[in-house]
Amino acid sequence: MIRDSFVETFGENNAKAVENAAHQHANGKNNAKMGSDPFKWALLICIGYECVDKYREHHGISAKATDIKKWVKKHADLGSHDGDCDYLALMAGTYDSWIKGKPKQLGA
């Protein structure tokens, strides 16, 4: 689970803001299988819906998008996610710059 590491870096308020934003965008298809690490799912949904970038202030995320992106690439290993994601974002290549290497299992 990567949530603890995220909290150490960005604080509990930012972690809760990411989770809340992701749940606001859950639509029955992108959250049917959250996977073994629900915080990875939350990050993927927030990246796909631009909650950690363009709309971060709206969602109460105070950490800078560039800092979150650096942390995700170093610590989150989103390519190993074994649950759902924002499939439109996946097809559009939105995750490509956030994931180290190829997203082998993303959305599997």
C-alpha atoms as a PDB file:
ATOM      1  CA  MET A   1       0.000   0.000   0.000  1.00  0.00           C
ATOM      2  CA  ILE A   2       1.387   3.364  -0.998  1.00  0.00           C
ATOM      3  CA  ARG A   3      -1.003   5.581   0.925  1.00  0.00           C
ATOM      4  CA  ASP A   4       1.296   5.773   3.967  1.00  0.00           C
ATOM      5  CA  SER A   5       4.160   7.022   1.824  1.00  0.00           C
ATOM      6  CA  PHE A   6       1.881   9.586   0.182  1.00  0.00           C
ATOM      7  CA  VAL A   7       0.739  10.795   3.624  1.00  0.00           C
ATOM      8  CA  GLU A   8       4.358  11.091   4.805  1.00  0.00           C
ATOM      9  CA  THR A   9       5.138  13.285   1.823  1.00  0.00           C
ATOM     10  CA  PHE A  10       1.940  15.296   1.293  1.00  0.00           C
ATOM     11  CA  GLY A  11      -0.093  14.885   4.493  1.00  0.00           C
ATOM     12  CA  GLU A  12      -3.334  13.202   5.452  1.00  0.00           C
ATOM     13  CA  ASN A  13      -5.468  16.076   4.114  1.00  0.00           C
ATOM     14  CA  ASN A  14      -4.082  15.622   0.601  1.00  0.00           C
ATOM     15  CA  ALA A  15      -4.542  11.848   0.765  1.00  0.00           C
ATOM     16  CA  LYS A  16      -8.176  12.267   1.803  1.00  0.00           C
ATOM     17  CA  ALA A  17      -8.690  14.892  -0.905  1.00  0.00           C
ATOM     18  CA  VAL A  18      -7.359  12.470  -3.550  1.00  0.00           C
ATOM     19  CA  GLU A  19      -9.621   9.685  -2.275  1.00  0.00           C
ATOM     20  CA  ASN A  20     -12.674  11.952  -2.140  1.00  0.00           C
ATOM     21  CA  ALA A  21     -12.046  13.292  -5.636  1.00  0.00           C
ATOM     22  CA  ALA A  22     -11.689   9.768  -7.012  1.00  0.00           C
ATOM     23  CA  HIS A  23     -14.934   8.649  -5.405  1.00  0.00           C
ATOM     24  CA  GLN A  24     -16.700  11.669  -6.916  1.00  0.00           C
ATOM     25  CA  HIS A  25     -15.738  10.340 -10.347  1.00  0.00           C
ATOM     26  CA  ALA A  26     -16.569   6.672  -9.687  1.00  0.00           C
ATOM     27  CA  ASN A  27     -19.086   5.602 -12.312  1.00  0.00           C
ATOM     28  CA  GLY A  28     -19.631   1.878 -11.861  1.00  0.00           C
ATOM     29  CA  LYS A  29     -17.199   0.954 -14.644  1.00  0.00           C
ATOM     30  CA  ASN A  30     -14.031   2.627 -13.420  1.00  0.00           C
ATOM     31  CA  ASN A  31     -14.512   1.396  -9.846  1.00  0.00           C
ATOM     32  CA  ALA A  32     -15.984  -2.097 -10.271  1.00  0.00           C
ATOM     33  CA  LYS A  33     -12.577  -3.552  -9.356  1.00  0.00           C
ATOM     34  CA  MET A  34     -10.452  -1.142  -7.343  1.00  0.00           C
ATOM     35  CA  GLY A  35      -7.608  -3.639  -7.115  1.00  0.00           C
ATOM     36  CA  SER A  36      -5.378  -4.701  -4.271  1.00  0.00           C
ATOM     37  CA  ASP A  37      -4.303  -1.120  -3.499  1.00  0.00           C
ATOM     38  CA  PRO A  38      -7.301   1.241  -3.508  1.00  0.00           C
ATOM     39  CA  PHE A  39      -5.026   4.277  -3.216  1.00  0.00           C
ATOM     40  CA  LYS A  40      -3.427   3.420  -6.562  1.00  0.00           C
ATOM     41  CA  TRP A  41      -6.944   3.327  -7.986  1.00  0.00           C
ATOM     42  CA  ALA A  42      -7.670   6.748  -6.461  1.00  0.00           C
ATOM     43  CA  LEU A  43      -4.492   8.217  -7.943  1.00  0.00           C
ATOM     44  CA  LEU A  44      -5.281   6.801 -11.379  1.00  0.00           C
ATOM     45  CA  ILE A  45      -8.801   8.194 -11.343  1.00  0.00           C
ATOM     46  CA  CYS A  46      -7.528  11.584 -10.184  1.00  0.00           C
ATOM     47  CA  ILE A  47      -4.853  11.638 -12.865  1.00  0.00           C
ATOM     48  CA  GLY A  48      -7.371  10.634 -15.528  1.00  0.00           C
ATOM     49  CA  TYR A  49      -9.891  13.282 -14.490  1.00  0.00           C
ATOM     50  CA  GLU A  50      -7.124  15.879 -13.983  1.00  0.00           C
ATOM     51  CA  CYS A  51      -7.973  16.241 -10.279  1.00  0.00           C
ATOM     52  CA  VAL A  52      -4.304  16.386  -9.263  1.00  0.00           C
ATOM     53  CA  ASP A  53      -3.429  18.871 -11.976  1.00  0.00           C
ATOM     54  CA  LYS A  54      -6.006  21.150 -13.560  1.00  0.00           C
ATOM     55  CA  TYR A  55      -8.711  20.794 -10.874  1.00  0.00           C
ATOM     56  CA  ARG A  56      -6.608  20.183  -7.762  1.00  0.00           C
ATOM     57  CA  GLU A  57      -7.714  23.361  -5.969  1.00  0.00           C
ATOM     58  CA  HIS A  58     -11.367  22.532  -6.642  1.00  0.00           C
ATOM     59  CA  HIS A  59     -10.828  19.157  -4.965  1.00  0.00           C
ATOM     60  CA  GLY A  60      -8.846  20.576  -2.038  1.00  0.00           C
ATOM     61  CA  ILE A  61      -5.524  19.109  -3.112  1.00  0.00           C
ATOM     62  CA  SER A  62      -2.891  21.586  -1.953  1.00  0.00           C
ATOM     63  CA  ALA A  63       0.232  19.720  -3.103  1.00  0.00           C
ATOM     64  CA  LYS A  64       1.718  20.937  -6.368  1.00  0.00           C
ATOM     65  CA  ALA A  65       0.947  18.798  -9.398  1.00  0.00           C
ATOM     66  CA  THR A  66       4.627  18.624 -10.341  1.00  0.00           C
ATOM     67  CA  ASP A  67       5.508  17.321  -6.867  1.00  0.00           C
ATOM     68  CA  ILE A  68       2.750  14.708  -6.995  1.00  0.00           C
ATOM     69  CA  LYS A  69       3.883  13.585 -10.438  1.00  0.00           C
ATOM     70  CA  LYS A  70       7.499  13.198  -9.288  1.00  0.00           C
ATOM     71  CA  TRP A  71       6.341  11.228  -6.238  1.00  0.00           C
ATOM     72  CA  VAL A  72       4.051   8.990  -8.326  1.00  0.00           C
ATOM     73  CA  LYS A  73       6.834   8.138 -10.754  1.00  0.00           C
ATOM     74  CA  LYS A  74       9.251   7.332  -7.931  1.00  0.00           C
ATOM     75  CA  HIS A  75       6.974   5.597  -5.408  1.00  0.00           C
ATOM     76  CA  ALA A  76       3.583   4.553  -6.793  1.00  0.00           C
ATOM     77  CA  ASP A  77       4.394   2.004  -9.524  1.00  0.00           C
ATOM     78  CA  LEU A  78       1.015   2.620 -11.145  1.00  0.00           C
ATOM     79  CA  GLY A  79       1.895   0.275 -13.997  1.00  0.00           C
ATOM     80  CA  SER A  80       1.463  -2.637 -11.602  1.00  0.00           C
ATOM     81  CA  HIS A  81      -2.100  -1.638 -10.676  1.00  0.00           C
ATOM     82  CA  ASP A  82      -4.393  -4.662 -10.819  1.00  0.00           C
ATOM     83  CA  GLY A  83      -7.750  -2.923 -10.943  1.00  0.00           C
ATOM     84  CA  ASP A  84      -9.790  -0.431 -12.893  1.00  0.00           C
ATOM     85  CA  CYS A  85      -8.771   3.030 -14.015  1.00  0.00           C
ATOM     86  CA  ASP A  86     -10.186   5.810 -16.175  1.00  0.00           C
ATOM     87  CA  TYR A  87     -10.298   3.829 -19.415  1.00  0.00           C
ATOM     88  CA  LEU A  88     -10.747   6.884 -21.639  1.00  0.00           C
ATOM     89  CA  ALA A  89      -7.615   8.398 -20.082  1.00  0.00           C
ATOM     90  CA  LEU A  90      -5.805   5.103 -20.618  1.00  0.00           C
ATOM     91  CA  MET A  91      -6.732   5.029 -24.318  1.00  0.00           C
ATOM     92  CA  ALA A  92      -5.832   8.709 -24.727  1.00  0.00           C
ATOM     93  CA  GLY A  93      -2.360   8.142 -23.259  1.00  0.00           C
ATOM     94  CA  THR A  94      -2.965  10.368 -20.242  1.00  0.00           C
ATOM     95  CA  TYR A  95      -1.131   7.988 -17.926  1.00  0.00           C
ATOM     96  CA  ASP A  96       1.933   7.575 -20.125  1.00  0.00           C
ATOM     97  CA  SER A  97       3.934  10.418 -18.581  1.00  0.00           C
ATOM     98  CA  TRP A  98       2.975   9.351 -15.040  1.00  0.00           C
ATOM     99  CA  ILE A  99       4.010   5.715 -15.275  1.00  0.00           C
ATOM    100  CA  LYS A 100       7.570   4.492 -15.266  1.00  0.00           C
ATOM    101  CA  GLY A 101       7.871   1.983 -18.094  1.00  0.00           C
ATOM    102  CA  LYS A 102       4.923   0.345 -19.837  1.00  0.00           C
ATOM    103  CA  PRO A 103       1.618  -0.074 -17.969  1.00  0.00           C
ATOM    104  CA  LYS A 104       1.519  -3.867 -18.381  1.00  0.00           C
ATOM    105  CA  GLN A 105      -1.359  -4.607 -16.048  1.00  0.00           C
ATOM    106  CA  LEU A 106      -3.081  -1.220 -15.936  1.00  0.00           C
ATOM    107  CA  GLY A 107      -6.760  -1.773 -16.471  1.00  0.00           C
ATOM    108  CA  ALA A 108      -6.422  -5.541 -16.720  1.00  0.00           C
END
